[in-house]
C-alpha atoms as a PDB file:
ATOM      1  CA  UNK A   1      99.047 -13.948 -35.601  1.00  0.00           C
ATOM      2  CA  UNK A   2      95.939 -13.077 -33.773  1.00  0.00           C
ATOM      3  CA  UNK A   3      94.539  -9.604 -33.396  1.00  0.00           C
ATOM      4  CA  UNK A   4      94.743  -8.555 -29.747  1.00  0.00           C
ATOM      5  CA  UNK A   5      91.679  -6.217 -30.049  1.00  0.00           C
ATOM      6  CA  UNK A   6      89.428  -9.044 -31.217  1.00  0.00           C
ATOM      7  CA  UNK A   7      90.661 -11.237 -28.428  1.00  0.00           C
ATOM      8  CA  UNK A   8      89.808  -8.585 -25.895  1.00  0.00           C
ATOM      9  CA  UNK A   9      86.280  -8.038 -27.367  1.00  0.00           C
ATOM     10  CA  UNK A  10      85.215 -11.717 -27.247  1.00  0.00           C
ATOM     11  CA  UNK A  11      84.688 -11.908 -23.506  1.00  0.00           C
ATOM     12  CA  UNK A  12      82.522  -8.808 -23.641  1.00  0.00           C
ATOM     13  CA  UNK A  13      80.376 -10.233 -26.490  1.00  0.00           C
ATOM     14  CA  UNK A  14      79.921 -13.456 -24.518  1.00  0.00           C
ATOM     15  CA  UNK A  15      78.837 -11.645 -21.393  1.00  0.00           C
ATOM     16  CA  UNK A  16      76.342  -9.459 -23.352  1.00  0.00           C
ATOM     17  CA  UNK A  17      74.841 -12.484 -25.105  1.00  0.00           C
ATOM     18  CA  UNK A  18      74.303 -14.298 -21.814  1.00  0.00           C
ATOM     19  CA  UNK A  19      72.661 -11.198 -20.313  1.00  0.00           C
ATOM     20  CA  UNK A  20      70.257 -10.809 -23.273  1.00  0.00           C
ATOM     21  CA  UNK A  21      69.274 -14.498 -23.150  1.00  0.00           C
ATOM     22  CA  UNK A  22      68.595 -14.258 -19.436  1.00  0.00           C
ATOM     23  CA  UNK A  23      66.336 -11.213 -19.995  1.00  0.00           C
ATOM     24  CA  UNK A  24      64.345 -12.992 -22.733  1.00  0.00           C
ATOM     25  CA  UNK A  25      63.820 -16.039 -20.539  1.00  0.00           C
ATOM     26  CA  UNK A  26      62.679 -13.858 -17.636  1.00  0.00           C
ATOM     27  CA  UNK A  27      60.205 -11.890 -19.777  1.00  0.00           C
ATOM     28  CA  UNK A  28      58.746 -15.017 -21.386  1.00  0.00           C
ATOM     29  CA  UNK A  29      58.254 -16.659 -18.007  1.00  0.00           C
ATOM     30  CA  UNK A  30      56.446 -13.569 -16.658  1.00  0.00           C
ATOM     31  CA  UNK A  31      54.126 -13.338 -19.702  1.00  0.00           C
ATOM     32  CA  UNK A  32      53.069 -16.961 -19.510  1.00  0.00           C
ATOM     33  CA  UNK A  33      52.207 -16.959 -15.806  1.00  0.00           C
ATOM     34  CA  UNK A  34      48.455 -17.844 -15.302  1.00  0.00           C
ATOM     35  CA  UNK A  35      46.739 -16.848 -12.078  1.00  0.00           C
ATOM     36  CA  UNK A  36      44.899 -19.821 -10.536  1.00  0.00           C
ATOM     37  CA  UNK A  37      41.086 -19.586 -10.610  1.00  0.00           C
ATOM     38  CA  UNK A  38      39.720 -19.406  -7.041  1.00  0.00           C
ATOM     39  CA  UNK A  39      37.383 -22.211  -6.083  1.00  0.00           C
ATOM     40  CA  UNK A  40      33.825 -21.227  -5.145  1.00  0.00           C
ATOM     41  CA  UNK A  41      33.315 -20.908  -1.434  1.00  0.00           C
ATOM     42  CA  UNK A  42      31.086 -23.535   0.139  1.00  0.00           C
ATOM     43  CA  UNK A  43      30.195 -21.243   3.029  1.00  0.00           C
ATOM     44  CA  UNK A  44      26.706 -19.615   2.899  1.00  0.00           C
ATOM     45  CA  UNK A  45      26.475 -15.961   2.058  1.00  0.00           C
ATOM     46  CA  UNK A  46      26.229 -13.426   4.847  1.00  0.00           C
ATOM     47  CA  UNK A  47      22.496 -12.749   4.221  1.00  0.00           C
ATOM     48  CA  UNK A  48      21.622 -16.434   4.291  1.00  0.00           C
ATOM     49  CA  UNK A  49      23.825 -17.104   7.274  1.00  0.00           C
ATOM     50  CA  UNK A  50      22.164 -14.251   9.122  1.00  0.00           C
ATOM     51  CA  UNK A  51      18.743 -15.821   8.511  1.00  0.00           C
ATOM     52  CA  UNK A  52      17.311 -13.027   6.329  1.00  0.00           C
ATOM     53  CA  UNK A  53      13.695 -14.042   5.456  1.00  0.00           C
ATOM     54  CA  UNK A  54      12.810 -14.470   1.808  1.00  0.00           C
ATOM     55  CA  UNK A  55      10.183 -11.877   0.771  1.00  0.00           C
ATOM     56  CA  UNK A  56       6.767 -13.404   0.120  1.00  0.00           C
ATOM     57  CA  UNK A  57       5.152 -12.771  -3.281  1.00  0.00           C
ATOM     58  CA  UNK A  58       2.521 -10.046  -3.290  1.00  0.00           C
ATOM     59  CA  UNK A  59      -0.941 -11.574  -3.961  1.00  0.00           C
ATOM     60  CA  UNK A  60      -2.811 -10.276  -6.992  1.00  0.00           C
ATOM     61  CA  UNK A  61      -5.871  -8.171  -6.130  1.00  0.00           C
ATOM     62  CA  UNK A  62      -9.248  -9.801  -6.620  1.00  0.00           C
ATOM     63  CA  UNK A  63     -10.905  -8.359  -9.733  1.00  0.00           C
ATOM     64  CA  UNK A  64     -13.889  -6.157  -8.964  1.00  0.00           C
ATOM     65  CA  UNK A  65     -17.294  -6.808 -10.595  1.00  0.00           C
ATOM     66  CA  UNK A  66     -18.224  -4.625 -13.522  1.00  0.00           C
ATOM     67  CA  UNK A  67     -21.704  -3.588 -14.680  1.00  0.00           C
ATOM     68  CA  UNK A  68     -23.417  -5.569 -17.433  1.00  0.00           C
ATOM     69  CA  UNK A  69     -24.900  -3.562 -20.292  1.00  0.00           C
ATOM     70  CA  UNK A  70     -26.223  -6.425 -22.403  1.00  0.00           C
ATOM     71  CA  UNK A  71     -29.582  -8.171 -22.162  1.00  0.00           C
ATOM     72  CA  UNK A  72     -29.084 -11.921 -22.134  1.00  0.00           C
ATOM     73  CA  UNK A  73     -32.288 -13.989 -21.920  1.00  0.00           C
ATOM     74  CA  UNK A  74     -32.779 -15.623 -18.523  1.00  0.00           C
ATOM     75  CA  UNK A  75     -35.699 -18.070 -18.860  1.00  0.00           C
ATOM     76  CA  UNK A  76     -35.807 -19.025 -15.167  1.00  0.00           C
ATOM     77  CA  UNK A  77     -35.988 -15.356 -14.152  1.00  0.00           C
ATOM     78  CA  UNK A  78     -38.724 -14.681 -16.683  1.00  0.00           C
ATOM     79  CA  UNK A  79     -40.692 -17.707 -15.446  1.00  0.00           C
ATOM     80  CA  UNK A  80     -41.003 -16.144 -11.984  1.00  0.00           C
ATOM     81  CA  UNK A  81     -43.268 -13.362 -13.246  1.00  0.00           C
ATOM     82  CA  UNK A  82     -46.996 -14.150 -13.563  1.00  0.00           C
ATOM     83  CA  UNK A  83     -48.628 -13.450 -16.915  1.00  0.00           C
ATOM     84  CA  UNK A  84     -51.934 -12.548 -15.232  1.00  0.00           C
ATOM     85  CA  UNK A  85     -52.994 -10.931 -11.981  1.00  0.00           C
ATOM     86  CA  UNK A  86     -56.654 -11.758 -11.605  1.00  0.00           C
ATOM     87  CA  UNK A  87     -58.315 -10.406 -14.742  1.00  0.00           C
ATOM     88  CA  UNK A  88     -55.333  -8.203 -15.646  1.00  0.00           C
ATOM     89  CA  UNK A  89     -52.781  -9.293 -18.268  1.00  0.00           C
ATOM     90  CA  UNK A  90     -49.096  -8.727 -17.481  1.00  0.00           C
ATOM     91  CA  UNK A  91     -46.922  -7.877 -20.486  1.00  0.00           C
ATOM     92  CA  UNK A  92     -43.480  -9.574 -20.397  1.00  0.00           C
ATOM     93  CA  UNK A  93     -41.417  -8.473 -23.422  1.00  0.00           C
ATOM     94  CA  UNK A  94     -38.299 -10.441 -24.457  1.00  0.00           C
ATOM     95  CA  UNK A  95     -35.132  -8.942 -22.892  1.00  0.00           C
ATOM     96  CA  UNK A  96     -33.658  -8.366 -26.341  1.00  0.00           C
ATOM     97  CA  UNK A  97     -36.573  -6.021 -27.150  1.00  0.00           C
ATOM     98  CA  UNK A  98     -35.908  -3.812 -24.115  1.00  0.00           C
ATOM     99  CA  UNK A  99     -33.410  -0.951 -24.120  1.00  0.00           C
ATOM    100  CA  UNK A 100     -32.904  -1.097 -20.331  1.00  0.00           C
ATOM    101  CA  UNK A 101     -30.020  -3.367 -19.185  1.00  0.00           C
ATOM    102  CA  UNK A 102     -28.922  -4.802 -15.809  1.00  0.00           C
ATOM    103  CA  UNK A 103     -26.239  -2.111 -15.640  1.00  0.00           C
ATOM    104  CA  UNK A 104     -28.827   0.639 -16.089  1.00  0.00           C
ATOM    105  CA  UNK A 105     -30.938  -0.576 -13.169  1.00  0.00           C
ATOM    106  CA  UNK A 106     -27.758  -1.301 -11.219  1.00  0.00           C
ATOM    107  CA  UNK A 107     -26.858   2.391 -11.157  1.00  0.00           C
ATOM    108  CA  UNK A 108     -29.715   2.905  -8.687  1.00  0.00           C
ATOM    109  CA  UNK A 109     -28.232   0.272  -6.340  1.00  0.00           C
ATOM    110  CA  UNK A 110     -24.617   1.437  -6.158  1.00  0.00           C
ATOM    111  CA  UNK A 111     -21.983  -1.241  -5.506  1.00  0.00           C
ATOM    112  CA  UNK A 112     -24.688  -3.874  -5.232  1.00  0.00           C
ATOM    113  CA  UNK A 113     -25.806  -3.079  -8.779  1.00  0.00           C
ATOM    114  CA  UNK A 114     -22.385  -4.052 -10.134  1.00  0.00           C
ATOM    115  CA  UNK A 115     -23.391  -7.671  -9.510  1.00  0.00           C
ATOM    116  CA  UNK A 116     -26.638  -7.503 -11.533  1.00  0.00           C
ATOM    117  CA  UNK A 117     -26.304 -10.004 -14.376  1.00  0.00           C
ATOM    118  CA  UNK A 118     -29.732 -10.377 -16.008  1.00  0.00           C
ATOM    119  CA  UNK A 119     -32.908  -8.327 -16.179  1.00  0.00           C
ATOM    120  CA  UNK A 120     -36.554  -8.953 -16.970  1.00  0.00           C
ATOM    121  CA  UNK A 121     -39.024  -6.118 -17.315  1.00  0.00           C
ATOM    122  CA  UNK A 122     -42.806  -6.569 -16.981  1.00  0.00           C
ATOM    123  CA  UNK A 123     -45.649  -4.064 -16.995  1.00  0.00           C
ATOM    124  CA  UNK A 124     -49.382  -3.561 -16.963  1.00  0.00           C
ATOM    125  CA  UNK A 125     -50.629  -0.813 -19.300  1.00  0.00           C
ATOM    126  CA  UNK A 126     -52.914   1.987 -18.186  1.00  0.00           C
ATOM    127  CA  UNK A 127     -55.213   2.499 -16.408  1.00  0.00           C
ATOM    128  CA  UNK A 128     -53.700   0.168 -13.764  1.00  0.00           C
ATOM    129  CA  UNK A 129     -50.148   1.229 -14.757  1.00  0.00           C
ATOM    130  CA  UNK A 130     -47.686  -1.133 -13.071  1.00  0.00           C
ATOM    131  CA  UNK A 131     -43.965  -1.550 -13.861  1.00  0.00           C
ATOM    132  CA  UNK A 132     -41.685  -4.292 -12.557  1.00  0.00           C
ATOM    133  CA  UNK A 133     -37.892  -4.630 -12.786  1.00  0.00           C
ATOM    134  CA  UNK A 134     -36.663  -8.107 -11.824  1.00  0.00           C
ATOM    135  CA  UNK A 135     -32.915  -8.812 -11.755  1.00  0.00           C
ATOM    136  CA  UNK A 136     -30.644 -11.712 -10.933  1.00  0.00           C
ATOM    137  CA  UNK A 137     -27.424 -10.891  -9.100  1.00  0.00           C
ATOM    138  CA  UNK A 138     -24.147 -12.667  -8.489  1.00  0.00           C
ATOM    139  CA  UNK A 139     -23.122 -13.747  -4.989  1.00  0.00           C
ATOM    140  CA  UNK A 140     -22.803 -12.490  -2.348  1.00  0.00           C
ATOM    141  CA  UNK A 141     -26.542 -11.854  -2.292  1.00  0.00           C
ATOM    142  CA  UNK A 142     -28.107  -8.936  -0.445  1.00  0.00           C
ATOM    143  CA  UNK A 143     -30.860  -9.093   2.130  1.00  0.00           C
ATOM    144  CA  UNK A 144     -33.856  -6.794   1.966  1.00  0.00           C
ATOM    145  CA  UNK A 145     -32.606  -4.777   4.920  1.00  0.00           C
ATOM    146  CA  UNK A 146     -29.271  -4.223   3.134  1.00  0.00           C
ATOM    147  CA  UNK A 147     -31.084  -2.256   0.414  1.00  0.00           C
ATOM    148  CA  UNK A 148     -31.501   0.715   2.757  1.00  0.00           C
ATOM    149  CA  UNK A 149     -28.504   2.756   1.466  1.00  0.00           C
ATOM    150  CA  UNK A 150     -29.975   2.661  -2.068  1.00  0.00           C
ATOM    151  CA  UNK A 151     -33.620   3.497  -1.371  1.00  0.00           C
ATOM    152  CA  UNK A 152     -33.334   7.133  -2.414  1.00  0.00           C
ATOM    153  CA  UNK A 153     -31.734   6.404  -5.780  1.00  0.00           C
ATOM    154  CA  UNK A 154     -34.083   3.447  -6.378  1.00  0.00           C
ATOM    155  CA  UNK A 155     -37.049   5.807  -6.036  1.00  0.00           C
ATOM    156  CA  UNK A 156     -35.359   8.329  -8.289  1.00  0.00           C
ATOM    157  CA  UNK A 157     -34.852   5.644 -10.933  1.00  0.00           C
ATOM    158  CA  UNK A 158     -38.609   5.093 -11.231  1.00  0.00           C
ATOM    159  CA  UNK A 159     -39.494   8.764 -11.367  1.00  0.00           C
ATOM    160  CA  UNK A 160     -39.117  10.387  -7.934  1.00  0.00           C
ATOM    161  CA  UNK A 161     -37.585  13.825  -8.399  1.00  0.00           C
ATOM    162  CA  UNK A 162     -35.263  13.703  -5.361  1.00  0.00           C
ATOM    163  CA  UNK A 163     -33.255  10.766  -3.938  1.00  0.00           C
ATOM    164  CA  UNK A 164     -34.926  10.787  -0.509  1.00  0.00           C
ATOM    165  CA  UNK A 165     -34.592   8.044   2.082  1.00  0.00           C
ATOM    166  CA  UNK A 166     -37.123   9.404   4.598  1.00  0.00           C
ATOM    167  CA  UNK A 167     -40.453   8.264   3.039  1.00  0.00           C
ATOM    168  CA  UNK A 168     -39.401   4.602   2.830  1.00  0.00           C
ATOM    169  CA  UNK A 169     -40.521   2.160   5.491  1.00  0.00           C
ATOM    170  CA  UNK A 170     -39.468  -1.443   6.118  1.00  0.00           C
ATOM    171  CA  UNK A 171     -42.671  -3.447   6.388  1.00  0.00           C
ATOM    172  CA  UNK A 172     -43.811  -7.029   6.832  1.00  0.00           C
ATOM    173  CA  UNK A 173     -46.473  -8.066   4.327  1.00  0.00           C
ATOM    174  CA  UNK A 174     -47.695 -11.646   4.326  1.00  0.00           C
ATOM    175  CA  UNK A 175     -44.784 -12.556   6.641  1.00  0.00           C
ATOM    176  CA  UNK A 176     -42.233 -11.206   4.162  1.00  0.00           C
ATOM    177  CA  UNK A 177     -39.942  -8.175   4.335  1.00  0.00           C
ATOM    178  CA  UNK A 178     -40.245  -5.326   1.841  1.00  0.00           C
ATOM    179  CA  UNK A 179     -39.356  -1.633   1.628  1.00  0.00           C
ATOM    180  CA  UNK A 180     -42.389   0.507   0.763  1.00  0.00           C
ATOM    181  CA  UNK A 181     -42.552   4.128  -0.346  1.00  0.00           C
ATOM    182  CA  UNK A 182     -46.094   5.493  -0.092  1.00  0.00           C
ATOM    183  CA  UNK A 183     -47.762   8.161  -2.148  1.00  0.00           C
ATOM    184  CA  UNK A 184     -46.734  11.739  -1.407  1.00  0.00           C
ATOM    185  CA  UNK A 185     -46.435  15.092  -3.154  1.00  0.00           C
ATOM    186  CA  UNK A 186     -43.533  13.779  -5.279  1.00  0.00           C
ATOM    187  CA  UNK A 187     -45.600  11.028  -6.936  1.00  0.00           C
ATOM    188  CA  UNK A 188     -48.796  10.635  -8.909  1.00  0.00           C
ATOM    189  CA  UNK A 189     -51.966   9.866  -6.981  1.00  0.00           C
ATOM    190  CA  UNK A 190     -51.993   6.369  -5.569  1.00  0.00           C
ATOM    191  CA  UNK A 191     -48.363   5.626  -6.511  1.00  0.00           C
ATOM    192  CA  UNK A 192     -46.635   3.050  -4.311  1.00  0.00           C
ATOM    193  CA  UNK A 193     -43.065   1.758  -4.733  1.00  0.00           C
ATOM    194  CA  UNK A 194     -41.775  -1.570  -3.445  1.00  0.00           C
ATOM    195  CA  UNK A 195     -38.282  -3.086  -3.447  1.00  0.00           C
ATOM    196  CA  UNK A 196     -37.100  -6.346  -1.878  1.00  0.00           C
ATOM    197  CA  UNK A 197     -34.814  -9.327  -2.380  1.00  0.00           C
ATOM    198  CA  UNK A 198     -35.111 -13.107  -2.348  1.00  0.00           C
ATOM    199  CA  UNK A 199     -31.696 -14.834  -2.416  1.00  0.00           C
ATOM    200  CA  UNK A 200     -30.236 -14.070  -5.872  1.00  0.00           C
ATOM    201  CA  UNK A 201     -33.245 -12.023  -6.997  1.00  0.00           C
ATOM    202  CA  UNK A 202     -34.015  -8.332  -6.511  1.00  0.00           C
ATOM    203  CA  UNK A 203     -37.295  -6.629  -7.440  1.00  0.00           C
ATOM    204  CA  UNK A 204     -38.298  -2.992  -7.916  1.00  0.00           C
ATOM    205  CA  UNK A 205     -42.030  -2.388  -8.398  1.00  0.00           C
ATOM    206  CA  UNK A 206     -44.051   0.785  -8.930  1.00  0.00           C
ATOM    207  CA  UNK A 207     -47.788   1.101  -9.574  1.00  0.00           C
ATOM    208  CA  UNK A 208     -50.828   3.287  -8.956  1.00  0.00           C
ATOM    209  CA  UNK A 209     -53.224   0.447  -8.067  1.00  0.00           C
ATOM    210  CA  UNK A 210     -52.041  -0.900  -4.727  1.00  0.00           C
ATOM    211  CA  UNK A 211     -54.249  -3.994  -4.889  1.00  0.00           C
ATOM    212  CA  UNK A 212     -52.412  -4.875  -8.086  1.00  0.00           C
ATOM    213  CA  UNK A 213     -49.063  -4.045  -6.476  1.00  0.00           C
ATOM    214  CA  UNK A 214     -49.804  -6.373  -3.569  1.00  0.00           C
ATOM    215  CA  UNK A 215     -50.929  -9.136  -5.948  1.00  0.00           C
ATOM    216  CA  UNK A 216     -47.621  -8.904  -7.864  1.00  0.00           C
ATOM    217  CA  UNK A 217     -45.644  -8.857  -4.630  1.00  0.00           C
ATOM    218  CA  UNK A 218     -47.439 -11.975  -3.414  1.00  0.00           C
ATOM    219  CA  UNK A 219     -46.820 -13.801  -6.704  1.00  0.00           C
ATOM    220  CA  UNK A 220     -43.027 -13.281  -6.636  1.00  0.00           C
ATOM    221  CA  UNK A 221     -40.382 -14.802  -4.346  1.00  0.00           C
ATOM    222  CA  UNK A 222     -39.656 -12.917  -1.131  1.00  0.00           C
ATOM    223  CA  UNK A 223     -37.578 -12.928   2.019  1.00  0.00           C
ATOM    224  CA  UNK A 224     -39.226 -14.306   5.122  1.00  0.00           C
ATOM    225  CA  UNK A 225     -39.511 -11.850   7.964  1.00  0.00           C
ATOM    226  CA  UNK A 226     -37.503 -12.831  11.042  1.00  0.00           C
ATOM    227  CA  UNK A 227     -39.480 -14.672  13.647  1.00  0.00           C
ATOM    228  CA  UNK A 228     -39.698 -12.553  16.788  1.00  0.00           C
ATOM    229  CA  UNK A 229     -37.872 -14.027  19.721  1.00  0.00           C
ATOM    230  CA  UNK A 230     -40.412 -14.944  22.414  1.00  0.00           C
ATOM    231  CA  UNK A 231     -39.920 -13.313  25.757  1.00  0.00           C
ATOM    232  CA  UNK A 232     -39.058 -15.711  28.570  1.00  0.00           C
ATOM    233  CA  UNK A 233     -42.118 -16.529  30.618  1.00  0.00           C
ATOM    234  CA  UNK A 234     -42.136 -15.827  34.318  1.00  0.00           C
ATOM    235  CA  UNK A 235     -41.730 -19.051  36.232  1.00  0.00           C
ATOM    236  CA  UNK A 236     -43.913 -19.495  39.380  1.00  0.00           C
ATOM    237  CA  UNK A 237     -42.113 -18.931  42.586  1.00  0.00           C
ATOM    238  CA  UNK A 238     -40.795 -22.084  44.136  1.00  0.00           C
ATOM    239  CA  UNK A 239     -42.567 -23.498  47.145  1.00  0.00           C
ATOM    240  CA  UNK A 240     -39.407 -22.953  49.142  1.00  0.00           C
ATOM    241  CA  UNK A 241     -39.629 -19.192  48.644  1.00  0.00           C
ATOM    242  CA  UNK A 242     -43.373 -19.044  49.363  1.00  0.00           C
ATOM    243  CA  UNK A 243     -44.427 -17.685  52.732  1.00  0.00           C
ATOM    244  CA  UNK A 244     -46.119 -20.373  54.849  1.00  0.00           C
ATOM    245  CA  UNK A 245     -47.336 -20.562  58.405  1.00  0.00           C
ATOM    246  CA  UNK A 246     -45.395 -23.007  60.611  1.00  0.00           C
ATOM    247  CA  UNK A 247     -47.171 -26.262  61.288  1.00  0.00           C
ATOM    248  CA  UNK A 248     -47.832 -27.032  64.956  1.00  0.00           C
ATOM    249  CA  UNK A 249     -46.859 -30.463  66.125  1.00  0.00           C
ATOM    250  CA  UNK A 250     -49.039 -32.334  68.684  1.00  0.00           C
ATOM    251  CA  UNK A 251     -48.031 -31.546  72.211  1.00  0.00           C
ATOM    252  CA  UNK A 252     -45.988 -28.562  71.090  1.00  0.00           C
END
């Protein structure tokens, strides 16, 4: 004989089992759901679509020249300097035996002096007492007239107490341009200073014998003085504008 309580409990157990199985299936289906990966858009971005310009790369600054404080032999520069001026011997020591460098002389010529690359010193001992500083510079080369801002310090470099511009004068000697500083109270008797350029060369000369100074200047390269522009000549007045008496015709 069957137990009525067990018979009544079976439907409940069946309903509970079905409910639990349904919950497990629902949870497992929710846990295994994978969101679909969105495909990349083929439309251009807003900045590109709006035509935003691409920034240009910033150019690197051009490196500035730096002074040279080594003495490298420059045979072609040395060959420019005469070994004799008339009966006077010119001493030309090797650059490696000289303590002065292109950078030292360059200090007297400001920004221009940064481009000095080689130096040759020459001199005549006393009593004539002449000293020459010849340098080769990198491009762009300076003209003689462009030396004007550095005249005061150039004179100071060779012994003038104050960096004065006033005493210097741009002159033409033998059809070549040169800056000349004459003797004054700031220099020894007879002292004359010259400085000029010739393409890649620059020269600074000081001496107490001006005949010797001029001989050295003439022996070195120089810059030709500009040819003066001729004034336009007056053309004769045309015959049409000339005043003439009327010619009488026969029977008039």
